[in-house]
């Protein structure tokens, strides 16, 4: 499995490409290109414990959602991923093919206070 792109290449898919060529095949159980998108549980712990804080590039991963009854459980260590906004993803024919959600990581300090962090992810569904 290749973990990086050849020198001089960047992986920067549009929202439509991310859903059509990466997420949809993965959900169907098909082989996914590019091979460097790994399965990774972003809800396992706080984001600074596994993402490089100095990384300037985006990181693409597949993660399985954890359900709590009929809701998605987004707790991660001492905090949680909170939805900030969402929008439909459309194909070139203006058909809705998915949903893009912006999530911000917030930390619970033990009391009722919650602190927003600079950590953000895009969630495609």
C-alpha atoms as a PDB file:
ATOM      1  CA  UNK A   1       0.000   0.000   0.000  1.00  0.00           C
ATOM      2  CA  UNK A   2       1.376   3.378  -0.953  1.00  0.00           C
ATOM      3  CA  UNK A   3       1.446   5.879   1.909  1.00  0.00           C
ATOM      4  CA  UNK A   4       2.492   8.989   0.033  1.00  0.00           C
ATOM      5  CA  UNK A   5       2.108  10.619  -3.339  1.00  0.00           C
ATOM      6  CA  UNK A   6       5.003  10.884  -5.773  1.00  0.00           C
ATOM      7  CA  UNK A   7       7.084  14.043  -5.436  1.00  0.00           C
ATOM      8  CA  UNK A   8       5.340  16.991  -7.054  1.00  0.00           C
ATOM      9  CA  UNK A   9       1.806  15.616  -6.665  1.00  0.00           C
ATOM     10  CA  UNK A  10      -0.917  16.844  -4.301  1.00  0.00           C
ATOM     11  CA  UNK A  11      -4.186  15.218  -3.310  1.00  0.00           C
ATOM     12  CA  UNK A  12      -6.774  17.971  -3.225  1.00  0.00           C
ATOM     13  CA  UNK A  13     -10.149  16.591  -4.353  1.00  0.00           C
ATOM     14  CA  UNK A  14     -13.243  18.698  -4.777  1.00  0.00           C
ATOM     15  CA  UNK A  15     -16.184  17.786  -2.562  1.00  0.00           C
ATOM     16  CA  UNK A  16     -17.796  15.946  -5.490  1.00  0.00           C
ATOM     17  CA  UNK A  17     -14.595  13.975  -6.170  1.00  0.00           C
ATOM     18  CA  UNK A  18     -14.142  13.089  -2.487  1.00  0.00           C
ATOM     19  CA  UNK A  19     -17.621  11.561  -2.366  1.00  0.00           C
ATOM     20  CA  UNK A  20     -17.823  10.061  -5.871  1.00  0.00           C
ATOM     21  CA  UNK A  21     -14.338   8.573  -6.128  1.00  0.00           C
ATOM     22  CA  UNK A  22     -13.353   7.915  -2.506  1.00  0.00           C
ATOM     23  CA  UNK A  23     -16.297   7.630  -0.116  1.00  0.00           C
ATOM     24  CA  UNK A  24     -18.927   5.994  -2.364  1.00  0.00           C
ATOM     25  CA  UNK A  25     -16.633   3.137  -3.493  1.00  0.00           C
ATOM     26  CA  UNK A  26     -15.516   2.573   0.125  1.00  0.00           C
ATOM     27  CA  UNK A  27     -19.122   2.309   1.325  1.00  0.00           C
ATOM     28  CA  UNK A  28     -19.848  -0.179  -1.490  1.00  0.00           C
ATOM     29  CA  UNK A  29     -16.866  -2.327  -0.439  1.00  0.00           C
ATOM     30  CA  UNK A  30     -14.917  -1.564  -3.614  1.00  0.00           C
ATOM     31  CA  UNK A  31     -11.200  -0.843  -3.879  1.00  0.00           C
ATOM     32  CA  UNK A  32     -10.541   2.799  -3.122  1.00  0.00           C
ATOM     33  CA  UNK A  33      -7.993   4.933  -4.885  1.00  0.00           C
ATOM     34  CA  UNK A  34      -5.958   6.614  -3.560  1.00  0.00           C
ATOM     35  CA  UNK A  35      -4.563   3.891  -1.339  1.00  0.00           C
ATOM     36  CA  UNK A  36      -3.107   6.343   1.178  1.00  0.00           C
ATOM     37  CA  UNK A  37      -6.520   7.097   2.678  1.00  0.00           C
ATOM     38  CA  UNK A  38      -6.480   4.795   5.698  1.00  0.00           C
ATOM     39  CA  UNK A  39      -9.190   3.758   8.139  1.00  0.00           C
ATOM     40  CA  UNK A  40      -8.666   5.683  11.342  1.00  0.00           C
ATOM     41  CA  UNK A  41     -10.859   6.295  14.392  1.00  0.00           C
ATOM     42  CA  UNK A  42     -10.891  10.075  14.880  1.00  0.00           C
ATOM     43  CA  UNK A  43     -13.162   9.589  17.907  1.00  0.00           C
ATOM     44  CA  UNK A  44     -10.609   7.464  19.784  1.00  0.00           C
ATOM     45  CA  UNK A  45      -8.905  10.394  21.542  1.00  0.00           C
ATOM     46  CA  UNK A  46      -8.260  14.126  21.338  1.00  0.00           C
ATOM     47  CA  UNK A  47      -7.028  15.266  17.902  1.00  0.00           C
ATOM     48  CA  UNK A  48      -3.696  16.651  19.159  1.00  0.00           C
ATOM     49  CA  UNK A  49      -2.750  13.160  20.343  1.00  0.00           C
ATOM     50  CA  UNK A  50      -2.587  11.769  16.816  1.00  0.00           C
ATOM     51  CA  UNK A  51      -2.522  14.666  14.327  1.00  0.00           C
ATOM     52  CA  UNK A  52       0.703  16.626  13.826  1.00  0.00           C
ATOM     53  CA  UNK A  53      -0.023  20.118  15.146  1.00  0.00           C
ATOM     54  CA  UNK A  54       2.427  21.624  12.655  1.00  0.00           C
ATOM     55  CA  UNK A  55       1.043  19.827   9.601  1.00  0.00           C
ATOM     56  CA  UNK A  56       0.088  22.262   6.873  1.00  0.00           C
ATOM     57  CA  UNK A  57      -1.576  19.740   4.600  1.00  0.00           C
ATOM     58  CA  UNK A  58      -4.946  18.092   4.909  1.00  0.00           C
ATOM     59  CA  UNK A  59      -5.226  14.539   6.139  1.00  0.00           C
ATOM     60  CA  UNK A  60      -7.848  12.256   4.624  1.00  0.00           C
ATOM     61  CA  UNK A  61      -9.112   9.243   6.590  1.00  0.00           C
ATOM     62  CA  UNK A  62     -12.092   6.912   6.650  1.00  0.00           C
ATOM     63  CA  UNK A  63     -13.706   6.541  10.044  1.00  0.00           C
ATOM     64  CA  UNK A  64     -16.763   4.594  11.119  1.00  0.00           C
ATOM     65  CA  UNK A  65     -19.418   6.556  12.928  1.00  0.00           C
ATOM     66  CA  UNK A  66     -20.347   5.502  16.428  1.00  0.00           C
ATOM     67  CA  UNK A  67     -24.043   5.598  17.124  1.00  0.00           C
ATOM     68  CA  UNK A  68     -25.706   6.339  20.452  1.00  0.00           C
ATOM     69  CA  UNK A  69     -29.303   5.317  19.895  1.00  0.00           C
ATOM     70  CA  UNK A  70     -30.335   7.289  16.799  1.00  0.00           C
ATOM     71  CA  UNK A  71     -27.608   9.958  17.083  1.00  0.00           C
ATOM     72  CA  UNK A  72     -23.968  10.003  16.039  1.00  0.00           C
ATOM     73  CA  UNK A  73     -21.629   9.880  19.059  1.00  0.00           C
ATOM     74  CA  UNK A  74     -18.769  12.349  18.453  1.00  0.00           C
ATOM     75  CA  UNK A  75     -17.089  12.230  21.881  1.00  0.00           C
ATOM     76  CA  UNK A  76     -13.295  12.016  21.731  1.00  0.00           C
ATOM     77  CA  UNK A  77     -11.283  11.866  24.959  1.00  0.00           C
ATOM     78  CA  UNK A  78     -11.838  15.016  27.014  1.00  0.00           C
ATOM     79  CA  UNK A  79     -13.943  16.701  24.347  1.00  0.00           C
ATOM     80  CA  UNK A  80     -16.184  16.232  21.366  1.00  0.00           C
ATOM     81  CA  UNK A  81     -16.582  17.174  17.706  1.00  0.00           C
ATOM     82  CA  UNK A  82     -19.418  19.691  17.307  1.00  0.00           C
ATOM     83  CA  UNK A  83     -21.133  20.456  13.998  1.00  0.00           C
ATOM     84  CA  UNK A  84     -20.692  24.062  12.915  1.00  0.00           C
ATOM     85  CA  UNK A  85     -22.400  24.042   9.523  1.00  0.00           C
ATOM     86  CA  UNK A  86     -23.341  21.626   6.785  1.00  0.00           C
ATOM     87  CA  UNK A  87     -24.103  21.796   3.093  1.00  0.00           C
ATOM     88  CA  UNK A  88     -25.235  19.508   0.306  1.00  0.00           C
ATOM     89  CA  UNK A  89     -22.609  18.191  -2.100  1.00  0.00           C
ATOM     90  CA  UNK A  90     -23.861  18.164  -5.686  1.00  0.00           C
ATOM     91  CA  UNK A  91     -22.551  16.504  -8.819  1.00  0.00           C
ATOM     92  CA  UNK A  92     -22.063  18.218 -12.186  1.00  0.00           C
ATOM     93  CA  UNK A  93     -25.788  17.713 -12.949  1.00  0.00           C
ATOM     94  CA  UNK A  94     -26.800  19.486  -9.716  1.00  0.00           C
ATOM     95  CA  UNK A  95     -27.955  16.221  -8.087  1.00  0.00           C
ATOM     96  CA  UNK A  96     -27.329  15.939  -4.338  1.00  0.00           C
ATOM     97  CA  UNK A  97     -24.779  13.123  -3.844  1.00  0.00           C
ATOM     98  CA  UNK A  98     -23.803  13.696  -0.228  1.00  0.00           C
ATOM     99  CA  UNK A  99     -23.416  16.017   2.702  1.00  0.00           C
ATOM    100  CA  UNK A 100     -20.401  17.965   3.951  1.00  0.00           C
ATOM    101  CA  UNK A 101     -20.255  18.924   7.636  1.00  0.00           C
ATOM    102  CA  UNK A 102     -17.760  21.256   9.293  1.00  0.00           C
ATOM    103  CA  UNK A 103     -16.904  20.032  12.793  1.00  0.00           C
ATOM    104  CA  UNK A 104     -14.969  21.906  15.498  1.00  0.00           C
ATOM    105  CA  UNK A 105     -13.317  20.193  18.454  1.00  0.00           C
ATOM    106  CA  UNK A 106     -14.443  21.464  21.846  1.00  0.00           C
ATOM    107  CA  UNK A 107     -12.938  20.552  25.216  1.00  0.00           C
ATOM    108  CA  UNK A 108     -14.898  19.975  28.420  1.00  0.00           C
ATOM    109  CA  UNK A 109     -12.950  21.261  31.420  1.00  0.00           C
ATOM    110  CA  UNK A 110     -14.737  19.154  34.030  1.00  0.00           C
ATOM    111  CA  UNK A 111     -17.287  21.770  35.002  1.00  0.00           C
ATOM    112  CA  UNK A 112     -20.027  23.157  32.802  1.00  0.00           C
ATOM    113  CA  UNK A 113     -17.514  25.242  30.836  1.00  0.00           C
ATOM    114  CA  UNK A 114     -16.558  24.315  27.263  1.00  0.00           C
ATOM    115  CA  UNK A 115     -13.570  25.674  25.324  1.00  0.00           C
ATOM    116  CA  UNK A 116     -13.383  25.810  21.536  1.00  0.00           C
ATOM    117  CA  UNK A 117     -10.095  24.663  19.993  1.00  0.00           C
ATOM    118  CA  UNK A 118      -8.578  25.446  16.574  1.00  0.00           C
ATOM    119  CA  UNK A 119      -8.979  21.786  15.520  1.00  0.00           C
ATOM    120  CA  UNK A 120     -11.425  21.300  12.645  1.00  0.00           C
ATOM    121  CA  UNK A 121     -12.459  18.477  10.355  1.00  0.00           C
ATOM    122  CA  UNK A 122     -14.717  18.105   7.345  1.00  0.00           C
ATOM    123  CA  UNK A 123     -17.063  15.152   7.489  1.00  0.00           C
ATOM    124  CA  UNK A 124     -18.465  13.753   4.250  1.00  0.00           C
ATOM    125  CA  UNK A 125     -21.516  11.509   4.292  1.00  0.00           C
END
